[in-house]
Amino acid sequence: MSTAELLSIEPHELKFVFELKKQISSSLQLSNNTDSYVAFKVKTTNPKKYCVRPNTGIVLPRSTCDVIVTMQAQKEAPPDLVCKDKFLLQSVKTHDGAAAKDISAEMFNKALGHVVEESKLRVVYVAPPQPPSPVAEGSEEGSPPRDSVSENGNVHGADSATVARAFTERHEAPEKSAEAKALISRLTDEKNNAIQQSNKLRQELNMMAMQSASDPCSHTT
């Protein structure tokens, strides 16, 4: 915190999270430590680059005032994000009941005998937070690294048994697939045979029922 007799400033530097082609704002809080009305004025070495609201004002006795500094969108970043811009806050006591409309340039003119306090503020650019980098395959915590095979056939990072098992499973896959197809075909044939047997049995039962109905011996006298 920058402390003066009239106004204290928090923070003592202007920090901007720098991003290209984007307006960025930073704030200051001015605290009046006296029982007098205090007028202030904010200046900068690069007025076209920054917008200060308010750039002049009155801070009432034992009260505070917030100042917002907005940096215009920048097309390129300075080397190493080092900024040489500076701000100057001037403050001076004024009469009780003073308002912002009463502020004039003469109030901050030391040549006219006014006691003007000045606080210098530097500008700091901060790089925006970076998103977490993606985790490479096989580098998850607790998982072993993937095996690699060099051009001469040597295996790195795993024993030969693991590689041999992988090749064996790869060659056994077509055989297992053929066995599965044969099993499906056999089950399909058995299902069709069962359906045929069921239909045949139903036909025989129908014929027996018809014969029984036409046999005169089956009727009661």
Protein backbone atom coordinates (compact mmCIF):
# COMPACT_ATOMS: atom_id res chain seq x y z
CA MET A 1 0.00 0.00 0.00
CA SER A 2 1.30 3.44 -0.95
CA THR A 3 0.73 5.78 1.99
CA ALA A 4 0.69 9.58 1.82
CA GLU A 5 -0.46 12.23 4.25
CA LEU A 6 -3.72 12.82 2.37
CA LEU A 7 -4.58 9.65 0.45
CA SER A 8 -3.47 6.05 0.77
CA ILE A 9 -3.54 3.89 -2.37
CA GLU A 10 -4.23 0.18 -2.60
CA PRO A 11 -2.61 -1.57 -4.40
CA HIS A 12 0.60 0.32 -5.04
CA GLU A 13 0.83 -0.90 -8.65
CA LEU A 14 -1.59 -1.49 -11.51
CA LYS A 15 -1.72 -5.14 -12.56
CA PHE A 16 -3.24 -6.21 -15.86
CA VAL A 17 -3.75 -9.84 -16.92
CA PHE A 18 -2.47 -9.26 -20.44
CA GLU A 19 -4.42 -10.72 -23.36
CA LEU A 20 -4.16 -9.65 -26.98
CA LYS A 21 -7.09 -7.83 -28.61
CA LYS A 22 -8.99 -7.53 -25.34
CA GLN A 23 -9.76 -4.62 -23.03
CA ILE A 24 -8.45 -5.23 -19.52
CA SER A 25 -9.26 -3.34 -16.34
CA SER A 26 -7.51 -2.82 -13.03
CA SER A 27 -8.75 -0.95 -9.97
CA LEU A 28 -7.35 1.32 -7.29
CA GLN A 29 -8.87 2.28 -3.96
CA LEU A 30 -8.11 5.74 -2.59
CA SER A 31 -8.59 6.26 1.15
CA ASN A 32 -8.83 9.71 2.71
CA ASN A 33 -7.03 9.58 6.04
CA THR A 34 -7.86 13.16 7.03
CA ASP A 35 -10.82 15.19 8.22
CA SER A 36 -10.61 17.39 5.12
CA TYR A 37 -12.00 17.16 1.62
CA VAL A 38 -9.27 15.94 -0.74
CA ALA A 39 -9.23 16.46 -4.50
CA PHE A 40 -7.28 14.05 -6.71
CA LYS A 41 -6.16 13.81 -10.30
CA VAL A 42 -4.74 10.80 -12.16
CA LYS A 43 -2.18 11.22 -14.95
CA THR A 44 -0.40 8.67 -17.15
CA THR A 45 2.57 8.66 -19.50
CA ASN A 46 0.42 6.97 -22.17
CA PRO A 47 -3.04 8.62 -22.14
CA LYS A 48 -4.12 7.11 -25.49
CA LYS A 49 -3.61 3.61 -24.16
CA TYR A 50 -5.57 3.91 -20.90
CA CYS A 51 -8.98 5.13 -19.83
CA VAL A 52 -9.29 6.28 -16.20
CA ARG A 53 -12.70 6.61 -14.53
CA PRO A 54 -12.84 8.92 -12.72
CA ASN A 55 -9.59 10.66 -13.57
CA THR A 56 -10.44 13.50 -11.15
CA GLY A 57 -12.64 13.55 -8.08
CA ILE A 58 -13.22 14.41 -4.45
CA VAL A 59 -12.65 11.96 -1.60
CA LEU A 60 -14.71 12.87 1.45
CA PRO A 61 -13.15 12.88 4.93
CA ARG A 62 -12.43 9.38 6.29
CA SER A 63 -13.93 7.74 3.20
CA THR A 64 -12.77 5.90 0.09
CA CYS A 65 -13.07 6.18 -3.67
CA ASP A 66 -12.54 3.49 -6.33
CA VAL A 67 -10.74 4.31 -9.57
CA ILE A 68 -11.00 1.96 -12.58
CA VAL A 69 -8.18 1.98 -15.13
CA THR A 70 -8.96 0.25 -18.44
CA MET A 71 -6.24 -0.63 -20.93
CA GLN A 72 -7.34 -0.56 -24.55
CA ALA A 73 -7.08 -3.76 -26.59
CA GLN A 74 -3.50 -4.34 -27.71
CA LYS A 75 -2.50 -5.88 -31.04
CA GLU A 76 0.88 -7.13 -29.84
CA ALA A 77 2.56 -7.93 -26.55
CA PRO A 78 5.72 -6.14 -25.37
CA PRO A 79 8.90 -8.22 -25.03
CA ASP A 80 8.79 -10.35 -21.87
CA LEU A 81 5.53 -8.56 -20.94
CA VAL A 82 7.54 -5.66 -19.55
CA CYS A 83 5.60 -2.39 -19.48
CA LYS A 84 7.25 1.00 -19.03
CA ASP A 85 4.02 2.97 -18.59
CA LYS A 86 3.62 4.97 -15.38
CA PHE A 87 0.77 6.64 -13.51
CA LEU A 88 0.86 9.66 -11.23
CA LEU A 89 -1.77 10.39 -8.59
CA GLN A 90 -1.89 13.99 -7.38
CA SER A 91 -3.89 14.99 -4.31
CA VAL A 92 -4.55 18.30 -2.60
CA LYS A 93 -6.75 19.56 0.22
CA THR A 94 -9.78 21.57 -0.80
CA HIS A 95 -12.61 23.41 0.92
CA ASP A 96 -15.41 21.62 2.72
CA GLY A 97 -18.36 20.73 0.53
CA ALA A 98 -16.25 20.72 -2.65
CA ALA A 99 -17.55 18.63 -5.56
CA ALA A 100 -15.97 17.18 -8.69
CA LYS A 101 -17.19 20.15 -10.74
CA ASP A 102 -15.09 22.46 -8.55
CA ILE A 103 -11.81 20.78 -9.54
CA SER A 104 -9.52 22.83 -11.78
CA ALA A 105 -6.01 22.42 -13.15
CA GLU A 106 -4.81 25.33 -10.98
CA MET A 107 -5.53 23.32 -7.82
CA PHE A 108 -2.62 20.99 -8.68
CA ASN A 109 -0.20 23.75 -9.72
CA LYS A 110 2.67 23.85 -7.26
CA ALA A 111 3.87 27.13 -8.73
CA LEU A 112 0.77 28.80 -7.33
CA GLY A 113 1.73 27.77 -3.83
CA HIS A 114 -0.56 24.74 -3.51
CA VAL A 115 0.70 21.80 -1.46
CA VAL A 116 0.31 18.89 -3.86
CA GLU A 117 1.13 15.33 -2.87
CA GLU A 118 2.18 12.91 -5.60
CA SER A 119 2.28 9.12 -5.70
CA LYS A 120 3.79 7.22 -8.62
CA LEU A 121 2.37 3.89 -9.75
CA ARG A 122 3.95 1.45 -12.15
CA VAL A 123 2.13 -0.88 -14.54
CA VAL A 124 2.67 -4.64 -14.34
CA TYR A 125 1.55 -7.11 -16.99
CA VAL A 126 0.69 -10.61 -15.82
CA ALA A 127 0.45 -13.59 -18.17
CA PRO A 128 -2.99 -15.25 -18.22
CA PRO A 129 -3.25 -18.66 -16.53
CA GLN A 130 -2.46 -21.53 -18.88
CA PRO A 131 -4.87 -24.47 -19.26
CA PRO A 132 -3.56 -27.79 -17.94
CA SER A 133 -1.53 -29.70 -20.51
CA PRO A 134 -3.03 -33.00 -21.70
CA VAL A 135 -1.54 -36.14 -20.19
CA ALA A 136 0.26 -38.32 -22.71
CA GLU A 137 -0.96 -41.89 -23.19
CA GLY A 138 0.70 -44.35 -20.88
CA SER A 139 1.90 -41.61 -18.53
CA GLU A 140 -1.08 -41.73 -16.16
CA GLU A 141 -0.14 -42.13 -12.54
CA GLY A 142 0.19 -45.77 -11.61
CA SER A 143 0.13 -47.08 -15.20
CA PRO A 144 3.22 -48.64 -16.79
CA PRO A 145 4.76 -47.05 -19.87
CA ARG A 146 3.82 -48.47 -23.22
CA ASP A 147 6.20 -50.94 -24.86
CA SER A 148 8.21 -49.84 -27.85
CA VAL A 149 10.01 -51.88 -30.46
CA SER A 150 13.10 -50.53 -32.19
CA GLU A 151 13.89 -51.01 -35.86
CA ASN A 152 16.17 -53.97 -35.11
CA GLY A 153 13.37 -55.79 -33.30
CA ASN A 154 14.58 -55.20 -29.74
CA VAL A 155 11.88 -54.64 -27.16
CA HIS A 156 12.14 -51.65 -24.83
CA GLY A 157 10.25 -51.22 -21.58
CA ALA A 158 8.71 -54.73 -21.35
CA ASP A 159 9.82 -58.36 -21.28
CA SER A 160 9.67 -60.56 -24.36
CA ALA A 161 6.98 -62.78 -22.80
CA THR A 162 4.50 -59.91 -22.86
CA VAL A 163 5.17 -59.26 -26.53
CA ALA A 164 4.97 -62.96 -27.38
CA ARG A 165 1.62 -63.23 -25.62
CA ALA A 166 0.30 -60.29 -27.59
CA PHE A 167 1.32 -61.88 -30.91
CA THR A 168 -0.17 -65.25 -29.86
CA GLU A 169 -3.49 -63.67 -28.92
CA ARG A 170 -3.52 -61.82 -32.23
CA HIS A 171 -3.09 -65.08 -34.21
CA GLU A 172 -5.57 -66.99 -32.05
CA ALA A 173 -8.27 -64.43 -32.65
CA PRO A 174 -9.26 -65.72 -36.16
CA GLU A 175 -9.42 -69.31 -34.83
CA LYS A 176 -11.70 -68.29 -31.97
CA SER A 177 -13.85 -66.39 -34.42
CA ALA A 178 -14.20 -69.50 -36.64
CA GLU A 179 -15.17 -71.62 -33.61
CA ALA A 180 -17.82 -69.10 -32.64
CA LYS A 181 -19.28 -69.13 -36.16
CA ALA A 182 -19.39 -72.96 -36.16
CA LEU A 183 -21.16 -72.98 -32.79
CA ILE A 184 -23.75 -70.48 -34.00
CA SER A 185 -24.35 -72.54 -37.15
CA ARG A 186 -24.82 -75.76 -35.13
CA LEU A 187 -27.25 -74.09 -32.74
CA THR A 188 -29.21 -72.71 -35.67
CA ASP A 189 -29.50 -76.17 -37.24
CA GLU A 190 -30.65 -77.67 -33.94
CA LYS A 191 -33.27 -74.96 -33.60
CA ASN A 192 -34.58 -75.61 -37.11
CA ASN A 193 -34.73 -79.38 -36.46
CA ALA A 194 -36.66 -78.81 -33.25
CA ILE A 195 -39.16 -76.63 -35.10
CA GLN A 196 -39.61 -79.29 -37.78
CA GLN A 197 -40.14 -82.02 -35.15
CA SER A 198 -42.70 -79.85 -33.38
CA ASN A 199 -44.61 -79.23 -36.62
CA LYS A 200 -44.56 -82.93 -37.49
CA LEU A 201 -45.86 -83.90 -34.05
CA ARG A 202 -48.65 -81.33 -34.32
CA GLN A 203 -49.69 -82.75 -37.72
CA GLU A 204 -49.80 -86.31 -36.33
CA LEU A 205 -51.97 -85.20 -33.42
CA ASN A 206 -54.37 -83.48 -35.80
CA MET A 207 -54.64 -86.63 -37.94
CA MET A 208 -55.32 -88.80 -34.89
CA ALA A 209 -58.03 -86.42 -33.78
CA MET A 210 -59.69 -86.52 -37.20
CA GLN A 211 -59.59 -90.34 -37.32
CA SER A 212 -61.09 -90.58 -33.85
CA ALA A 213 -63.93 -88.30 -34.84
CA SER A 214 -64.79 -90.38 -37.96
CA ASP A 215 -64.63 -93.82 -36.21
CA PRO A 216 -68.24 -94.99 -35.39
CA CYS A 217 -66.96 -97.10 -32.52
CA SER A 218 -65.95 -94.02 -30.71
CA HIS A 219 -69.62 -92.86 -30.32
CA THR A 220 -71.64 -93.95 -27.28
CA THR A 221 -74.93 -95.87 -27.95
